[in-house]
Amino acid sequence: MKALVIGSTGMIGSEFVRSLRNKKYEVFGIARPTSTSRLNAVADKSLIYCDILDEGSLEKVISSIKC
């Protein structure tokens, strides 16, 4: 299973990512380009920097991971 977590570097999002990984989900995290906190919660290859207010950008992210 795949999961896309918006806010994956935040306090709640990083714990959610950890929980999903423990359940063997393939987790992709979305973070703001300016985010620096809790980057270790999401593996570098699955951390996607995106402005969720930009509809086109968000659509690209969703289609690229093919949830």
C-alpha atoms as a PDB file:
ATOM      1  CA  MET A   1       0.000   0.000   0.000  1.00  0.00           C
ATOM      2  CA  LYS A   2       1.048   3.574  -0.643  1.00  0.00           C
ATOM      3  CA  ALA A   3       0.287   6.639   1.445  1.00  0.00           C
ATOM      4  CA  LEU A   4       0.736  10.332   0.698  1.00  0.00           C
ATOM      5  CA  VAL A   5       1.115  12.436   3.844  1.00  0.00           C
ATOM      6  CA  ILE A   6       0.752  16.193   3.611  1.00  0.00           C
ATOM      7  CA  GLY A   7       2.701  17.924   6.378  1.00  0.00           C
ATOM      8  CA  SER A   8       4.999  14.935   6.824  1.00  0.00           C
ATOM      9  CA  THR A   9       7.757  16.978   8.477  1.00  0.00           C
ATOM     10  CA  GLY A  10       5.483  18.464  11.136  1.00  0.00           C
ATOM     11  CA  MET A  11       5.017  17.178  14.661  1.00  0.00           C
ATOM     12  CA  ILE A  12       1.902  15.111  13.932  1.00  0.00           C
ATOM     13  CA  GLY A  13       2.769  14.260  10.334  1.00  0.00           C
ATOM     14  CA  SER A  14       6.186  12.840  11.211  1.00  0.00           C
ATOM     15  CA  GLU A  15       4.634  10.522  13.812  1.00  0.00           C
ATOM     16  CA  PHE A  16       1.974   9.488  11.306  1.00  0.00           C
ATOM     17  CA  VAL A  17       4.689   8.669   8.760  1.00  0.00           C
ATOM     18  CA  ARG A  18       6.528   6.566  11.343  1.00  0.00           C
ATOM     19  CA  SER A  19       3.334   4.694  12.200  1.00  0.00           C
ATOM     20  CA  LEU A  20       2.537   3.980   8.545  1.00  0.00           C
ATOM     21  CA  ARG A  21       6.087   2.757   7.913  1.00  0.00           C
ATOM     22  CA  ASN A  22       5.797   0.387  10.868  1.00  0.00           C
ATOM     23  CA  LYS A  23       2.711  -1.031   9.158  1.00  0.00           C
ATOM     24  CA  LYS A  24       4.785  -1.555   5.960  1.00  0.00           C
ATOM     25  CA  TYR A  25       3.222   1.249   3.915  1.00  0.00           C
ATOM     26  CA  GLU A  26       5.279   2.899   1.210  1.00  0.00           C
ATOM     27  CA  VAL A  27       5.081   6.486   2.423  1.00  0.00           C
ATOM     28  CA  PHE A  28       5.511   9.636   0.363  1.00  0.00           C
ATOM     29  CA  GLY A  29       5.647  12.866   2.293  1.00  0.00           C
ATOM     30  CA  ILE A  30       4.794  16.359   1.130  1.00  0.00           C
ATOM     31  CA  ALA A  31       6.568  19.266   2.770  1.00  0.00           C
ATOM     32  CA  ARG A  32       6.813  22.987   2.133  1.00  0.00           C
ATOM     33  CA  PRO A  33       9.964  23.981   0.277  1.00  0.00           C
ATOM     34  CA  THR A  34      10.993  25.981   3.358  1.00  0.00           C
ATOM     35  CA  SER A  35      10.469  23.133   5.831  1.00  0.00           C
ATOM     36  CA  THR A  36      13.499  21.971   7.811  1.00  0.00           C
ATOM     37  CA  SER A  37      12.040  20.201  10.830  1.00  0.00           C
ATOM     38  CA  ARG A  38      11.830  16.431  11.231  1.00  0.00           C
ATOM     39  CA  LEU A  39      13.241  15.667   7.801  1.00  0.00           C
ATOM     40  CA  ASN A  40      14.448  12.288   9.053  1.00  0.00           C
ATOM     41  CA  ALA A  41      10.854  11.099   9.436  1.00  0.00           C
ATOM     42  CA  VAL A  42      10.565  10.654   5.678  1.00  0.00           C
ATOM     43  CA  ALA A  43      13.312   9.069   3.602  1.00  0.00           C
ATOM     44  CA  ASP A  44      14.957  11.565   1.263  1.00  0.00           C
ATOM     45  CA  LYS A  45      13.801   9.757  -1.881  1.00  0.00           C
ATOM     46  CA  SER A  46      10.157   9.912  -0.840  1.00  0.00           C
ATOM     47  CA  LEU A  47      10.078  13.479   0.449  1.00  0.00           C
ATOM     48  CA  ILE A  48       8.411  15.755  -2.071  1.00  0.00           C
ATOM     49  CA  TYR A  49       8.581  19.519  -1.771  1.00  0.00           C
ATOM     50  CA  CYS A  50       5.332  21.018  -2.984  1.00  0.00           C
ATOM     51  CA  ASP A  51       3.065  23.989  -2.409  1.00  0.00           C
ATOM     52  CA  ILE A  52      -0.321  22.355  -1.836  1.00  0.00           C
ATOM     53  CA  LEU A  53      -2.041  25.628  -2.699  1.00  0.00           C
ATOM     54  CA  ASP A  54      -0.739  25.244  -6.257  1.00  0.00           C
ATOM     55  CA  GLU A  55      -3.301  22.883  -7.797  1.00  0.00           C
ATOM     56  CA  GLY A  56      -1.131  21.964 -10.769  1.00  0.00           C
ATOM     57  CA  SER A  57       1.822  21.115  -8.563  1.00  0.00           C
ATOM     58  CA  LEU A  58      -0.282  18.921  -6.297  1.00  0.00           C
ATOM     59  CA  GLU A  59      -1.826  17.086  -9.256  1.00  0.00           C
ATOM     60  CA  LYS A  60       1.673  16.316 -10.584  1.00  0.00           C
ATOM     61  CA  VAL A  61       2.693  14.874  -7.225  1.00  0.00           C
ATOM     62  CA  ILE A  62      -0.355  12.647  -7.009  1.00  0.00           C
ATOM     63  CA  SER A  63      -0.014  11.364 -10.552  1.00  0.00           C
ATOM     64  CA  SER A  64       3.730  10.750 -10.129  1.00  0.00           C
ATOM     65  CA  ILE A  65       3.289   8.356  -7.212  1.00  0.00           C
ATOM     66  CA  LYS A  66       0.229   6.653  -8.737  1.00  0.00           C
ATOM     67  CA  CYS A  67      -1.570   5.983  -5.466  1.00  0.00           C
END
